[in-house]
Amino acid sequence: MTRAAIFDPFSGIAGDMTLGALIQCGLDPDWLRALPARLSLDGVGVEIREVNRADIRCAKVDFTIPPQPHGRHLHHIRKIVEASDAPRDVKDRADQAFTAIGTAEAEIHGVTIEKVHLHEVGAVDAILDVVGSIWGLEQLGIEEVYCGPIALGDGTVKAAHGVLPVPAPATLKLLEGHRVRPGPEGSGELVTPTGAALVKVLSRGGPPVEYVPVTNGFGAGTKEFAGRANALRIIIADVASAGEISDLLEIVCDIDDMIPEYLAAVAERLREAGALEVVSLPATTKRGRPGTRLEALCRPGDAPRLEEILLNESTTIGVRERQVRRRALARNVIHVTVLDHDVAVKRVALPNGRFRAKPEFADVERVALATGRPMQDIFRLALVESERRGDG
């Protein structure tokens, strides 16, 4: 079984709503109160209180913040996150969230990501929302996140760039590929950029067909509506690990006139941009020329961005797109100690209830170089330690 968090955004999603729901699901309030100091955000206070939304008891999280810069660039936010003591996986996910926001804003405004000035998202509360939500899920031992249909709200919202339709353009771009619905009527903005970014980088898709609820919690939004709860519900559940069926897209192109090193760099760019898998296959093209077929597997919302990378950075003059259905086994990463060094071990749950484990090559190589032992020795020791813990 896999421990999962299922987001139920029946009234939208925002970072503070996520934190509140996690508090009700068991996240230690004192851990959250200590978070600003761990991010070196001096003078920031954390207020956690119980409120009612349509007679549902919810947790409401607010930050008291001294005067701050009016927005920040992406490199400023990265510096704050990197200097914290958050786990590496948390830092990486947070960076993905802020990069996704910057990329969406850059596309909307027609500028480079380096020039994007993140106003609301660069604020201290947004940094705490993103890092706190991702780190909070890690604190609760969550291995997978799923998200149900998202209520977007309606009307307009006043932003730094003027009055915008709901959802704001960058927010909607972040939600591409996810199930959404407009309304309810008269609700205004229900999804913030931080909430949309959390869904983008954390969610594996819609909720599983079957799961075992363990606990659940409600995080309150700021607005109050008559007769309707403005809250996010998070359900902590155990999900069977027999494999997840998902509908994906495969982007394909054939290339016969590109230097191999540069083609390999394009493949790596696709992986960095969100491709789930990238495969290069030998192909025979027009007039018998040897070539390469490049196949990138991705979620539907990521396809336009990956196609632009292929068209801009490779020599192809066209790409093909086809729908595929993938069954993926549930997996997670555990950490073991080998010769006083940390090694990550990927653990895959098989349909028969057993597990298959494999130490990560980069860690095996690093420990082998540090200790002078052969890589095969480090590999075997990591597997033994994983089996000793009952994880492999």
Protein backbone atom coordinates (compact mmCIF):
# COMPACT_ATOMS: atom_id res chain seq x y z
CA MET A 1 0.00 0.00 0.00
CA THR A 2 1.08 3.56 -0.74
CA ARG A 3 0.30 6.45 1.60
CA ALA A 4 -1.33 9.16 -0.54
CA ALA A 5 -2.86 12.61 -0.16
CA ILE A 6 -5.99 13.20 -2.22
CA PHE A 7 -6.80 16.88 -2.78
CA ASP A 8 -10.54 17.66 -3.02
CA PRO A 9 -10.62 21.29 -4.29
CA PHE A 10 -14.42 21.64 -4.39
CA SER A 11 -13.93 25.34 -3.56
CA GLY A 12 -10.58 25.90 -5.25
CA ILE A 13 -7.09 25.63 -3.84
CA ALA A 14 -4.52 27.99 -2.38
CA GLY A 15 -1.34 27.52 -0.41
CA ASP A 16 -2.80 28.63 2.93
CA MET A 17 -5.78 26.30 2.44
CA THR A 18 -3.35 23.43 1.81
CA LEU A 19 -1.43 24.18 4.99
CA GLY A 20 -4.63 24.34 7.03
CA ALA A 21 -5.84 21.01 5.70
CA LEU A 22 -2.46 19.42 6.46
CA ILE A 23 -2.66 20.72 10.05
CA GLN A 24 -5.99 18.93 10.50
CA CYS A 25 -4.46 15.81 8.93
CA GLY A 26 -1.81 15.69 11.64
CA LEU A 27 0.95 18.12 10.67
CA ASP A 28 2.53 19.49 13.86
CA PRO A 29 1.48 23.15 14.31
CA ASP A 30 4.76 23.91 16.09
CA TRP A 31 6.66 22.63 13.05
CA LEU A 32 4.79 25.14 10.88
CA ARG A 33 5.37 27.95 13.38
CA ALA A 34 9.11 27.28 13.19
CA LEU A 35 9.19 27.28 9.37
CA PRO A 36 9.87 31.02 8.79
CA ALA A 37 13.05 30.85 10.89
CA ARG A 38 14.24 27.79 8.96
CA LEU A 39 13.85 29.84 5.77
CA SER A 40 15.62 32.84 7.39
CA LEU A 41 12.46 34.94 6.99
CA ASP A 42 12.95 37.14 10.03
CA GLY A 43 10.08 38.69 11.92
CA VAL A 44 7.38 36.48 10.34
CA GLY A 45 4.72 35.11 12.64
CA VAL A 46 2.43 32.13 12.04
CA GLU A 47 -1.17 32.20 13.28
CA ILE A 48 -3.13 28.93 13.28
CA ARG A 49 -6.73 29.06 14.42
CA GLU A 50 -9.95 27.11 14.15
CA VAL A 51 -12.75 28.64 12.07
CA ASN A 52 -16.09 27.48 10.70
CA ARG A 53 -16.93 27.46 7.02
CA ALA A 54 -20.63 26.53 6.53
CA ASP A 55 -20.56 24.77 9.94
CA ILE A 56 -17.48 22.70 9.01
CA ARG A 57 -14.56 23.02 11.42
CA CYS A 58 -11.50 24.11 9.45
CA ALA A 59 -7.93 25.17 10.22
CA LYS A 60 -7.00 28.68 9.06
CA VAL A 61 -3.34 29.60 8.58
CA ASP A 62 -2.20 33.24 8.36
CA PHE A 63 1.22 34.86 8.37
CA THR A 64 2.09 38.19 9.98
CA ILE A 65 4.78 39.71 7.81
CA PRO A 66 6.93 42.84 8.25
CA PRO A 67 7.52 45.15 5.23
CA GLN A 68 9.07 43.24 2.33
CA PRO A 69 10.37 43.89 -1.23
CA HIS A 70 7.58 44.30 -3.78
CA GLY A 71 7.95 40.90 -5.39
CA ARG A 72 11.10 38.95 -6.15
CA HIS A 73 12.84 37.45 -9.15
CA LEU A 74 13.13 33.67 -9.40
CA HIS A 75 16.82 33.61 -8.42
CA HIS A 76 16.00 35.45 -5.17
CA ILE A 77 13.41 32.81 -4.25
CA ARG A 78 15.79 29.99 -5.14
CA LYS A 79 18.44 31.48 -2.86
CA ILE A 80 16.00 31.56 0.09
CA VAL A 81 14.91 27.95 -0.44
CA GLU A 82 18.41 26.60 -1.06
CA ALA A 83 19.76 28.18 2.14
CA SER A 84 17.18 26.34 4.28
CA ASP A 85 17.67 22.95 5.92
CA ALA A 86 14.82 21.36 3.93
CA PRO A 87 15.44 17.88 2.49
CA ARG A 88 16.84 17.81 -1.04
CA ASP A 89 13.61 16.42 -2.49
CA VAL A 90 11.61 19.24 -0.90
CA LYS A 91 13.96 21.88 -2.29
CA ASP A 92 13.75 20.35 -5.75
CA ARG A 93 9.94 20.19 -5.73
CA ALA A 94 9.71 23.77 -4.45
CA ASP A 95 12.05 24.88 -7.22
CA GLN A 96 9.86 23.08 -9.76
CA ALA A 97 6.81 24.95 -8.42
CA PHE A 98 8.39 28.38 -8.60
CA THR A 99 9.95 27.62 -11.98
CA ALA A 100 6.52 26.56 -13.27
CA ILE A 101 5.03 29.85 -12.10
CA GLY A 102 7.87 31.85 -13.65
CA THR A 103 7.58 29.94 -16.93
CA ALA A 104 3.81 30.53 -17.09
CA GLU A 105 4.22 34.25 -16.36
CA ALA A 106 7.00 34.53 -18.94
CA GLU A 107 4.86 32.92 -21.64
CA ILE A 108 1.87 35.14 -20.81
CA HIS A 109 3.89 38.37 -20.85
CA GLY A 110 6.27 37.47 -23.67
CA VAL A 111 9.51 37.84 -21.69
CA THR A 112 12.28 35.51 -20.54
CA ILE A 113 11.89 33.74 -17.21
CA GLU A 114 14.90 35.64 -15.84
CA LYS A 115 13.03 38.95 -16.29
CA VAL A 116 9.78 37.83 -14.66
CA HIS A 117 9.10 39.80 -11.49
CA LEU A 118 6.94 37.59 -9.29
CA HIS A 119 4.65 39.92 -7.35
CA GLU A 120 2.15 37.98 -5.27
CA VAL A 121 4.09 34.72 -5.72
CA GLY A 122 7.39 36.29 -4.70
CA ALA A 123 5.87 37.46 -1.43
CA VAL A 124 6.88 35.85 1.85
CA ASP A 125 3.51 34.17 2.43
CA ALA A 126 3.64 32.50 -1.00
CA ILE A 127 7.15 31.16 -0.33
CA LEU A 128 5.96 29.77 3.00
CA ASP A 129 2.84 28.32 1.35
CA VAL A 130 4.79 26.45 -1.33
CA VAL A 131 7.69 25.22 0.79
CA GLY A 132 5.44 24.52 3.78
CA SER A 133 2.95 22.47 1.75
CA ILE A 134 5.60 20.38 0.01
CA TRP A 135 7.64 19.88 3.18
CA GLY A 136 4.48 19.27 5.22
CA LEU A 137 3.46 16.42 2.93
CA GLU A 138 6.94 14.94 3.41
CA GLN A 139 6.55 15.28 7.18
CA LEU A 140 3.34 13.26 7.01
CA GLY A 141 5.02 10.48 5.02
CA ILE A 142 3.00 11.12 1.86
CA GLU A 143 4.35 9.22 -1.14
CA GLU A 144 1.82 10.24 -3.82
CA VAL A 145 -0.57 13.14 -4.37
CA TYR A 146 -3.78 13.03 -6.40
CA CYS A 147 -6.22 15.82 -7.18
CA GLY A 148 -9.92 15.84 -8.01
CA PRO A 149 -11.71 18.36 -10.29
CA ILE A 150 -10.82 21.95 -9.38
CA ALA A 151 -13.44 24.67 -8.95
CA LEU A 152 -12.01 27.78 -10.59
CA GLY A 153 -14.43 30.52 -9.46
CA ASP A 154 -15.69 33.25 -11.76
CA GLY A 155 -15.62 36.98 -12.50
CA THR A 156 -12.44 39.03 -12.44
CA VAL A 157 -9.52 39.62 -10.08
CA LYS A 158 -7.34 42.69 -9.58
CA ALA A 159 -3.65 41.81 -9.96
CA ALA A 160 -0.38 43.71 -10.29
CA HIS A 161 -0.89 43.93 -14.04
CA GLY A 162 -4.50 45.15 -13.84
CA VAL A 163 -7.93 43.51 -13.83
CA LEU A 164 -7.79 39.94 -15.14
CA PRO A 165 -10.43 37.28 -15.86
CA VAL A 166 -10.79 34.38 -13.43
CA PRO A 167 -8.85 32.20 -13.55
CA ALA A 168 -5.91 34.53 -14.16
CA PRO A 169 -4.02 33.62 -17.39
CA ALA A 170 -0.92 32.28 -15.65
CA THR A 171 -3.05 30.26 -13.21
CA LEU A 172 -4.97 28.64 -16.05
CA LYS A 173 -1.72 27.81 -17.88
CA LEU A 174 -0.45 26.05 -14.75
CA LEU A 175 -3.63 23.97 -14.68
CA GLU A 176 -3.37 22.74 -18.28
CA GLY A 177 -3.94 18.99 -18.36
CA HIS A 178 -5.92 18.92 -15.09
CA ARG A 179 -9.68 18.55 -14.67
CA VAL A 180 -11.31 21.90 -13.83
CA ARG A 181 -14.77 23.44 -13.79
CA PRO A 182 -15.96 27.08 -13.66
CA GLY A 183 -17.88 28.56 -10.74
CA PRO A 184 -19.65 28.50 -8.41
CA GLU A 185 -21.36 31.70 -9.53
CA GLY A 186 -20.36 34.81 -7.62
CA SER A 187 -17.34 33.22 -5.94
CA GLY A 188 -14.59 35.30 -7.59
CA GLU A 189 -11.07 33.86 -7.63
CA LEU A 190 -10.83 30.44 -5.99
CA VAL A 191 -7.48 29.20 -7.33
CA THR A 192 -4.26 31.12 -6.67
CA PRO A 193 -1.03 30.71 -8.66
CA THR A 194 0.58 28.98 -5.69
CA GLY A 195 -2.33 26.55 -5.42
CA ALA A 196 -2.18 25.81 -9.16
CA ALA A 197 1.60 25.32 -9.01
CA LEU A 198 1.25 22.83 -6.15
CA VAL A 199 -1.23 20.81 -8.19
CA LYS A 200 1.05 20.94 -11.24
CA VAL A 201 4.20 19.64 -9.56
CA LEU A 202 2.64 17.27 -7.00
CA SER A 203 -0.45 15.67 -8.54
CA ARG A 204 -0.20 12.39 -10.43
CA GLY A 205 -3.72 12.90 -11.78
CA GLY A 206 -7.28 12.17 -10.67
CA PRO A 207 -8.03 10.24 -7.47
CA PRO A 208 -7.67 6.45 -7.57
CA VAL A 209 -10.83 4.42 -8.13
CA GLU A 210 -10.43 2.72 -4.75
CA TYR A 211 -8.59 3.73 -1.59
CA VAL A 212 -8.75 3.32 2.19
CA PRO A 213 -9.26 6.65 4.01
CA VAL A 214 -6.99 7.12 7.01
CA THR A 215 -7.84 10.69 8.02
CA ASN A 216 -8.93 13.93 6.43
CA GLY A 217 -8.79 17.64 7.11
CA PHE A 218 -10.20 20.97 5.95
CA GLY A 219 -8.15 24.10 5.30
CA ALA A 220 -10.16 27.32 5.26
CA GLY A 221 -9.98 29.94 2.56
CA THR A 222 -10.19 33.64 3.45
CA LYS A 223 -13.57 34.28 1.82
CA GLU A 224 -16.81 33.27 3.50
CA PHE A 225 -19.88 32.30 1.48
CA ALA A 226 -23.43 31.90 2.74
CA GLY A 227 -24.41 28.25 2.85
CA ARG A 228 -21.22 26.97 1.21
CA ALA A 229 -17.91 25.93 2.73
CA ASN A 230 -14.94 27.76 1.23
CA ALA A 231 -12.33 25.16 2.12
CA LEU A 232 -9.95 22.59 0.69
CA ARG A 233 -10.32 19.01 1.87
CA ILE A 234 -7.31 16.70 1.90
CA ILE A 235 -7.87 12.99 2.40
CA ILE A 236 -4.94 10.90 3.63
CA ALA A 237 -5.43 7.38 2.30
CA ASP A 238 -3.77 4.07 1.63
CA VAL A 239 -3.84 3.18 -2.05
CA ALA A 240 -3.23 -0.29 -3.49
CA SER A 241 0.07 -0.47 -5.32
CA ALA A 242 -0.92 -2.74 -8.19
CA GLY A 243 -0.22 0.00 -10.72
CA GLU A 244 -1.73 3.21 -11.94
CA ILE A 245 -3.45 3.50 -15.32
CA SER A 246 -3.06 6.95 -16.89
CA ASP A 247 -3.79 8.48 -20.27
CA LEU A 248 -0.69 10.19 -21.62
CA LEU A 249 0.61 11.67 -24.85
CA GLU A 250 3.64 10.55 -26.83
CA ILE A 251 5.43 13.17 -28.93
CA VAL A 252 7.48 11.72 -31.78
CA CYS A 253 9.82 13.12 -34.42
CA ASP A 254 12.47 11.71 -36.79
CA ILE A 255 15.82 13.48 -37.16
CA ASP A 256 18.60 12.64 -39.63
CA ASP A 257 20.65 15.86 -39.83
CA MET A 258 21.71 16.69 -36.28
CA ILE A 259 25.03 16.21 -34.46
CA PRO A 260 24.51 13.41 -31.89
CA GLU A 261 25.81 15.40 -28.91
CA TYR A 262 23.33 18.18 -29.59
CA LEU A 263 20.47 15.73 -30.06
CA ALA A 264 21.33 14.17 -26.69
CA ALA A 265 21.21 17.66 -25.14
CA VAL A 266 17.71 18.20 -26.57
CA ALA A 267 16.59 14.91 -25.03
CA GLU A 268 17.89 16.07 -21.66
CA ARG A 269 16.06 19.40 -22.06
CA LEU A 270 12.84 17.45 -22.60
CA ARG A 271 13.40 15.52 -19.37
CA GLU A 272 14.08 18.72 -17.44
CA ALA A 273 10.90 20.28 -18.88
CA GLY A 274 8.64 17.54 -17.56
CA ALA A 275 8.83 14.60 -19.97
CA LEU A 276 8.14 11.37 -18.09
CA GLU A 277 10.32 9.33 -20.44
CA VAL A 278 12.54 10.19 -23.42
CA VAL A 279 13.79 7.43 -25.74
CA SER A 280 16.07 7.60 -28.80
CA LEU A 281 15.70 4.84 -31.39
CA PRO A 282 17.66 4.18 -34.59
CA ALA A 283 15.64 4.89 -37.73
CA THR A 284 16.08 4.85 -41.49
CA THR A 285 14.74 8.03 -43.08
CA LYS A 286 14.33 9.40 -46.61
CA ARG A 287 16.76 8.04 -49.26
CA GLY A 288 18.13 5.50 -46.79
CA ARG A 289 19.71 8.07 -44.48
CA PRO A 290 20.42 6.80 -40.93
CA GLY A 291 18.53 8.83 -38.36
CA THR A 292 17.08 8.88 -34.87
CA ARG A 293 13.48 8.65 -33.74
CA LEU A 294 12.95 10.71 -30.58
CA GLU A 295 9.94 9.76 -28.44
CA ALA A 296 8.87 11.78 -25.39
CA LEU A 297 6.12 10.57 -23.06
CA CYS A 298 4.29 13.31 -21.15
CA ARG A 299 1.12 14.46 -19.46
CA PRO A 300 -1.30 16.25 -21.81
CA GLY A 301 -0.73 19.64 -20.20
CA ASP A 302 3.03 19.44 -20.79
CA ALA A 303 2.80 18.56 -24.51
CA PRO A 304 2.77 22.13 -25.95
CA ARG A 305 5.90 23.09 -24.03
CA LEU A 306 7.79 19.94 -25.07
CA GLU A 307 6.77 20.38 -28.72
CA GLU A 308 8.16 23.92 -28.66
CA ILE A 309 11.47 22.63 -27.31
CA LEU A 310 11.70 20.10 -30.14
CA LEU A 311 10.80 22.64 -32.83
CA ASN A 312 13.08 25.35 -31.46
CA GLU A 313 16.13 23.35 -30.39
CA SER A 314 16.28 20.37 -32.76
CA THR A 315 16.43 20.28 -36.55
CA THR A 316 13.06 18.58 -36.97
CA ILE A 317 10.45 20.45 -38.99
CA GLY A 318 7.45 18.62 -37.54
CA VAL A 319 6.31 16.50 -34.61
CA ARG A 320 3.61 13.85 -34.24
CA GLU A 321 1.40 13.33 -31.23
CA ARG A 322 -0.45 10.18 -30.22
CA GLN A 323 -2.45 9.11 -27.20
CA VAL A 324 -1.16 6.20 -25.16
CA ARG A 325 -2.31 4.44 -22.00
CA ARG A 326 0.37 3.58 -19.45
CA ARG A 327 0.25 1.27 -16.47
CA ALA A 328 2.88 2.41 -14.00
CA LEU A 329 3.80 0.56 -10.83
CA ALA A 330 3.81 2.58 -7.62
CA ARG A 331 7.28 3.50 -6.46
CA ASN A 332 9.00 5.52 -3.77
CA VAL A 333 12.55 6.30 -2.67
CA ILE A 334 14.00 5.30 0.69
CA HIS A 335 17.42 6.22 2.09
CA VAL A 336 19.88 3.76 3.63
CA THR A 337 23.33 4.20 5.15
CA VAL A 338 26.26 2.40 3.49
CA LEU A 339 29.74 2.83 4.99
CA ASP A 340 28.53 6.02 6.74
CA HIS A 341 27.20 7.47 3.46
CA ASP A 342 23.61 8.07 2.37
CA VAL A 343 22.33 6.05 -0.60
CA ALA A 344 18.90 6.49 -2.18
CA VAL A 345 17.14 3.24 -3.11
CA LYS A 346 14.18 3.19 -5.48
CA ARG A 347 11.48 0.75 -4.34
CA VAL A 348 8.82 -0.52 -6.78
CA ALA A 349 5.66 -2.32 -5.65
CA LEU A 350 4.85 -5.36 -7.83
CA PRO A 351 1.29 -6.59 -8.55
CA ASN A 352 1.98 -9.78 -6.55
CA GLY A 353 2.56 -7.72 -3.39
CA ARG A 354 6.35 -8.07 -3.42
CA PHE A 355 8.87 -5.27 -3.91
CA ARG A 356 11.81 -4.70 -6.23
CA ALA A 357 14.58 -2.36 -5.10
CA LYS A 358 17.45 -0.68 -6.94
CA PRO A 359 20.07 1.69 -5.49
CA GLU A 360 20.41 4.96 -7.43
CA PHE A 361 23.51 4.87 -9.61
CA ALA A 362 24.65 8.43 -8.84
CA ASP A 363 24.75 7.66 -5.10
CA VAL A 364 26.47 4.31 -5.64
CA GLU A 365 29.15 5.99 -7.77
CA ARG A 366 29.61 8.82 -5.23
CA VAL A 367 30.07 6.41 -2.29
CA ALA A 368 32.40 4.16 -4.30
CA LEU A 369 34.64 7.13 -5.11
CA ALA A 370 34.58 8.33 -1.51
CA THR A 371 35.42 4.93 0.00
CA GLY A 372 37.59 3.34 -2.69
CA ARG A 373 35.30 0.32 -2.83
CA PRO A 374 33.98 -1.13 -6.13
CA MET A 375 30.57 0.10 -7.21
CA GLN A 376 29.20 -3.47 -7.19
CA ASP A 377 30.08 -3.69 -3.48
CA ILE A 378 28.20 -0.48 -2.70
CA PHE A 379 25.25 -1.68 -4.80
CA ARG A 380 25.03 -4.98 -2.90
CA LEU A 381 25.47 -3.36 0.53
CA ALA A 382 22.65 -0.90 -0.23
CA LEU A 383 20.35 -3.76 -1.26
CA VAL A 384 21.20 -5.73 1.88
CA GLU A 385 20.47 -2.71 4.08
CA SER A 386 17.19 -2.14 2.24
CA GLU A 387 16.17 -5.78 2.76
CA ARG A 388 17.23 -5.63 6.44
CA ARG A 389 14.76 -2.77 6.94
CA GLY A 390 12.07 -4.78 5.18
CA ASP A 391 11.85 -2.28 2.31
CA GLY A 392 13.04 -4.39 -0.59
